[in-house]
Amino acid sequence: MKKCYRCGAEKPYTEFYKHKAMADGHIGKCKYCTKIDVRKNRADKVEYYRQYDVKRYQSDPSVRKRINASSRRWREKNPDKYNAHNAVSNAIRDGRLSKEPCEVCGAKYVHGHHDDYSKPLEVRWLCPIHHREHHDQQA
């Protein structure tokens, strides 16, 4: 058992990411807290990470190959979602739909959230943080 320095919860070692440089071989905060911090960091520095991801994708063929394969598998498993996302993207491009600020906090960088994929152009605009929170509440 190990205590997370961020949330203070006592958890088994399987709930901590491995890290060779640490004395016990695991980082000091649990996986849950680590994921929260990573999401917050990426949300706070959206433009930096967008450029970083593009550069990484363009410079490393193995990353590009892995991402393309993963995307293809997702599209095959989720055709309704893929078609709805495409419809929104095309509607934005054609001017039939425009992005609005996050309906919760008013942030300008938003995702289009579908409550019903059979109605592809009915979207709610949520920033990445509130979009994740919405999905976490649904689970």
C-alpha atoms as a PDB file:
ATOM      1  CA  MET A   1       0.000   0.000   0.000  1.00  0.00           C
ATOM      2  CA  LYS A   2       1.100   3.540  -0.714  1.00  0.00           C
ATOM      3  CA  LYS A   3      -0.288   6.956   0.171  1.00  0.00           C
ATOM      4  CA  CYS A   4      -0.943   9.438  -2.644  1.00  0.00           C
ATOM      5  CA  TYR A   5       0.658  12.769  -1.799  1.00  0.00           C
ATOM      6  CA  ARG A   6      -2.037  14.663  -3.723  1.00  0.00           C
ATOM      7  CA  CYS A   7      -5.329  13.157  -2.499  1.00  0.00           C
ATOM      8  CA  GLY A   8      -3.952  11.475   0.645  1.00  0.00           C
ATOM      9  CA  ALA A   9      -5.697   8.166  -0.069  1.00  0.00           C
ATOM     10  CA  GLU A  10      -4.000   4.893   0.782  1.00  0.00           C
ATOM     11  CA  LYS A  11      -4.043   2.691  -2.324  1.00  0.00           C
ATOM     12  CA  PRO A  12      -2.354  -0.470  -3.606  1.00  0.00           C
ATOM     13  CA  TYR A  13       0.785  -0.091  -5.724  1.00  0.00           C
ATOM     14  CA  THR A  14      -1.183  -1.058  -8.839  1.00  0.00           C
ATOM     15  CA  GLU A  15      -2.933   2.328  -8.545  1.00  0.00           C
ATOM     16  CA  PHE A  16       0.391   4.165  -9.054  1.00  0.00           C
ATOM     17  CA  TYR A  17       2.373   4.482 -12.275  1.00  0.00           C
ATOM     18  CA  LYS A  18       5.787   2.827 -12.287  1.00  0.00           C
ATOM     19  CA  HIS A  19       8.873   5.033 -12.263  1.00  0.00           C
ATOM     20  CA  LYS A  20      12.376   3.564 -12.013  1.00  0.00           C
ATOM     21  CA  ALA A  21      13.888   6.674 -10.429  1.00  0.00           C
ATOM     22  CA  MET A  22      11.617   6.536  -7.375  1.00  0.00           C
ATOM     23  CA  ALA A  23      12.769   4.642  -4.288  1.00  0.00           C
ATOM     24  CA  ASP A  24       9.827   2.226  -4.336  1.00  0.00           C
ATOM     25  CA  GLY A  25       9.585   2.138  -8.147  1.00  0.00           C
ATOM     26  CA  HIS A  26       6.298   4.112  -8.349  1.00  0.00           C
ATOM     27  CA  ILE A  27       5.512   7.828  -8.598  1.00  0.00           C
ATOM     28  CA  GLY A  28       4.086   9.533  -5.524  1.00  0.00           C
ATOM     29  CA  LYS A  29       0.595  10.377  -6.773  1.00  0.00           C
ATOM     30  CA  CYS A  30      -2.027   7.854  -7.783  1.00  0.00           C
ATOM     31  CA  LYS A  31      -3.101   7.235 -11.373  1.00  0.00           C
ATOM     32  CA  TYR A  32      -6.396   9.067 -10.821  1.00  0.00           C
ATOM     33  CA  CYS A  33      -4.683  12.241  -9.542  1.00  0.00           C
ATOM     34  CA  THR A  34      -2.052  12.025 -12.274  1.00  0.00           C
ATOM     35  CA  LYS A  35      -4.752  11.885 -14.961  1.00  0.00           C
ATOM     36  CA  ILE A  36      -6.530  14.897 -13.444  1.00  0.00           C
ATOM     37  CA  ASP A  37      -3.274  16.881 -13.439  1.00  0.00           C
ATOM     38  CA  VAL A  38      -2.447  15.928 -17.026  1.00  0.00           C
ATOM     39  CA  ARG A  39      -5.933  16.919 -18.239  1.00  0.00           C
ATOM     40  CA  LYS A  40      -5.744  20.242 -16.407  1.00  0.00           C
ATOM     41  CA  ASN A  41      -2.243  20.954 -17.716  1.00  0.00           C
ATOM     42  CA  ARG A  42      -3.277  20.185 -21.299  1.00  0.00           C
ATOM     43  CA  ALA A  43      -6.448  22.299 -20.938  1.00  0.00           C
ATOM     44  CA  ASP A  44      -4.436  25.233 -19.541  1.00  0.00           C
ATOM     45  CA  LYS A  45      -1.853  25.031 -22.336  1.00  0.00           C
ATOM     46  CA  VAL A  46      -4.030  23.992 -25.273  1.00  0.00           C
ATOM     47  CA  GLU A  47      -2.059  25.775 -27.980  1.00  0.00           C
ATOM     48  CA  TYR A  48       1.332  24.533 -26.722  1.00  0.00           C
ATOM     49  CA  TYR A  49       0.207  20.900 -26.653  1.00  0.00           C
ATOM     50  CA  ARG A  50      -1.574  21.180 -29.983  1.00  0.00           C
ATOM     51  CA  GLN A  51       1.693  22.310 -31.599  1.00  0.00           C
ATOM     52  CA  TYR A  52       3.643  19.654 -29.678  1.00  0.00           C
ATOM     53  CA  ASP A  53       1.289  16.898 -30.838  1.00  0.00           C
ATOM     54  CA  VAL A  54       1.407  18.051 -34.473  1.00  0.00           C
ATOM     55  CA  LYS A  55       5.205  18.208 -34.421  1.00  0.00           C
ATOM     56  CA  ARG A  56       5.437  14.760 -32.812  1.00  0.00           C
ATOM     57  CA  TYR A  57       2.986  13.324 -35.332  1.00  0.00           C
ATOM     58  CA  GLN A  58       4.909  14.787 -38.284  1.00  0.00           C
ATOM     59  CA  SER A  59       8.403  13.894 -37.098  1.00  0.00           C
ATOM     60  CA  ASP A  60       7.995  10.280 -35.963  1.00  0.00           C
ATOM     61  CA  PRO A  61       6.653   7.783 -38.536  1.00  0.00           C
ATOM     62  CA  SER A  62       5.965   5.165 -35.857  1.00  0.00           C
ATOM     63  CA  VAL A  63       3.738   7.608 -33.957  1.00  0.00           C
ATOM     64  CA  ARG A  64       1.890   8.479 -37.159  1.00  0.00           C
ATOM     65  CA  LYS A  65       1.396   4.807 -38.014  1.00  0.00           C
ATOM     66  CA  ARG A  66       0.130   3.971 -34.516  1.00  0.00           C
ATOM     67  CA  ILE A  67      -2.269   6.938 -34.434  1.00  0.00           C
ATOM     68  CA  ASN A  68      -3.626   6.167 -37.905  1.00  0.00           C
ATOM     69  CA  ALA A  69      -4.227   2.510 -36.974  1.00  0.00           C
ATOM     70  CA  SER A  70      -5.924   3.537 -33.744  1.00  0.00           C
ATOM     71  CA  SER A  71      -8.116   6.055 -35.589  1.00  0.00           C
ATOM     72  CA  ARG A  72      -9.095   3.463 -38.189  1.00  0.00           C
ATOM     73  CA  ARG A  73     -10.079   0.958 -35.476  1.00  0.00           C
ATOM     74  CA  TRP A  74     -12.160   3.622 -33.674  1.00  0.00           C
ATOM     75  CA  ARG A  75     -13.953   4.598 -36.910  1.00  0.00           C
ATOM     76  CA  GLU A  76     -14.792   0.948 -37.624  1.00  0.00           C
ATOM     77  CA  LYS A  77     -16.138   0.396 -34.088  1.00  0.00           C
ATOM     78  CA  ASN A  78     -18.073   3.698 -33.940  1.00  0.00           C
ATOM     79  CA  PRO A  79     -19.552   4.478 -37.379  1.00  0.00           C
ATOM     80  CA  ASP A  80     -22.449   6.546 -35.964  1.00  0.00           C
ATOM     81  CA  LYS A  81     -20.118   8.726 -33.918  1.00  0.00           C
ATOM     82  CA  TYR A  82     -17.710   9.110 -36.842  1.00  0.00           C
ATOM     83  CA  ASN A  83     -20.507  10.156 -39.209  1.00  0.00           C
ATOM     84  CA  ALA A  84     -21.896  12.644 -36.666  1.00  0.00           C
ATOM     85  CA  HIS A  85     -18.450  14.174 -36.090  1.00  0.00           C
ATOM     86  CA  ASN A  86     -17.946  14.432 -39.851  1.00  0.00           C
ATOM     87  CA  ALA A  87     -21.346  16.079 -40.305  1.00  0.00           C
ATOM     88  CA  VAL A  88     -20.515  18.707 -37.667  1.00  0.00           C
ATOM     89  CA  SER A  89     -17.088  19.352 -39.169  1.00  0.00           C
ATOM     90  CA  ASN A  90     -18.547  19.768 -42.650  1.00  0.00           C
ATOM     91  CA  ALA A  91     -21.357  22.019 -41.383  1.00  0.00           C
ATOM     92  CA  ILE A  92     -18.833  24.268 -39.610  1.00  0.00           C
ATOM     93  CA  ARG A  93     -16.677  24.403 -42.741  1.00  0.00           C
ATOM     94  CA  ASP A  94     -19.684  25.234 -44.935  1.00  0.00           C
ATOM     95  CA  GLY A  95     -21.011  27.888 -42.527  1.00  0.00           C
ATOM     96  CA  ARG A  96     -24.216  25.988 -41.696  1.00  0.00           C
ATOM     97  CA  LEU A  97     -23.110  25.616 -38.058  1.00  0.00           C
ATOM     98  CA  SER A  98     -20.885  27.806 -35.931  1.00  0.00           C
ATOM     99  CA  LYS A  99     -19.080  27.062 -32.708  1.00  0.00           C
ATOM    100  CA  GLU A 100     -20.351  28.801 -29.607  1.00  0.00           C
ATOM    101  CA  PRO A 101     -18.637  29.336 -26.242  1.00  0.00           C
ATOM    102  CA  CYS A 102     -18.793  26.575 -23.633  1.00  0.00           C
ATOM    103  CA  GLU A 103     -22.317  26.490 -22.237  1.00  0.00           C
ATOM    104  CA  VAL A 104     -20.920  26.068 -18.705  1.00  0.00           C
ATOM    105  CA  CYS A 105     -17.962  28.453 -18.434  1.00  0.00           C
ATOM    106  CA  GLY A 106     -17.913  30.447 -21.679  1.00  0.00           C
ATOM    107  CA  ALA A 107     -14.485  29.203 -22.844  1.00  0.00           C
ATOM    108  CA  LYS A 108     -13.799  29.747 -26.537  1.00  0.00           C
ATOM    109  CA  TYR A 109     -12.016  26.432 -27.251  1.00  0.00           C
ATOM    110  CA  VAL A 110     -14.873  23.924 -27.339  1.00  0.00           C
ATOM    111  CA  HIS A 111     -15.894  20.424 -28.384  1.00  0.00           C
ATOM    112  CA  GLY A 112     -19.232  19.618 -29.935  1.00  0.00           C
ATOM    113  CA  HIS A 113     -21.018  17.094 -27.712  1.00  0.00           C
ATOM    114  CA  HIS A 114     -23.749  14.872 -29.140  1.00  0.00           C
ATOM    115  CA  ASP A 115     -26.482  13.696 -26.801  1.00  0.00           C
ATOM    116  CA  ASP A 116     -27.956  11.703 -29.707  1.00  0.00           C
ATOM    117  CA  TYR A 117     -25.801  10.612 -32.652  1.00  0.00           C
ATOM    118  CA  SER A 118     -28.867  10.089 -34.841  1.00  0.00           C
ATOM    119  CA  LYS A 119     -29.238  13.909 -34.798  1.00  0.00           C
ATOM    120  CA  PRO A 120     -25.723  14.852 -35.954  1.00  0.00           C
ATOM    121  CA  LEU A 121     -26.174  18.617 -36.113  1.00  0.00           C
ATOM    122  CA  GLU A 122     -27.709  18.912 -32.641  1.00  0.00           C
ATOM    123  CA  VAL A 123     -24.624  19.580 -30.544  1.00  0.00           C
ATOM    124  CA  ARG A 124     -23.865  21.145 -27.198  1.00  0.00           C
ATOM    125  CA  TRP A 125     -20.677  23.182 -27.041  1.00  0.00           C
ATOM    126  CA  LEU A 126     -18.470  22.271 -24.080  1.00  0.00           C
ATOM    127  CA  CYS A 127     -14.843  23.067 -23.281  1.00  0.00           C
ATOM    128  CA  PRO A 128     -12.603  19.977 -22.870  1.00  0.00           C
ATOM    129  CA  ILE A 129     -12.834  20.107 -19.068  1.00  0.00           C
ATOM    130  CA  HIS A 130     -16.632  20.327 -18.931  1.00  0.00           C
ATOM    131  CA  HIS A 131     -16.953  17.805 -21.760  1.00  0.00           C
ATOM    132  CA  ARG A 132     -14.904  15.301 -19.712  1.00  0.00           C
ATOM    133  CA  GLU A 133     -16.925  16.096 -16.575  1.00  0.00           C
ATOM    134  CA  HIS A 134     -20.153  15.499 -18.512  1.00  0.00           C
ATOM    135  CA  HIS A 135     -18.961  12.075 -19.653  1.00  0.00           C
ATOM    136  CA  ASP A 136     -17.694  11.207 -16.167  1.00  0.00           C
ATOM    137  CA  GLN A 137     -21.174  11.990 -14.776  1.00  0.00           C
ATOM    138  CA  GLN A 138     -22.797   9.753 -17.410  1.00  0.00           C
ATOM    139  CA  ALA A 139     -20.636   6.733 -16.501  1.00  0.00           C
END
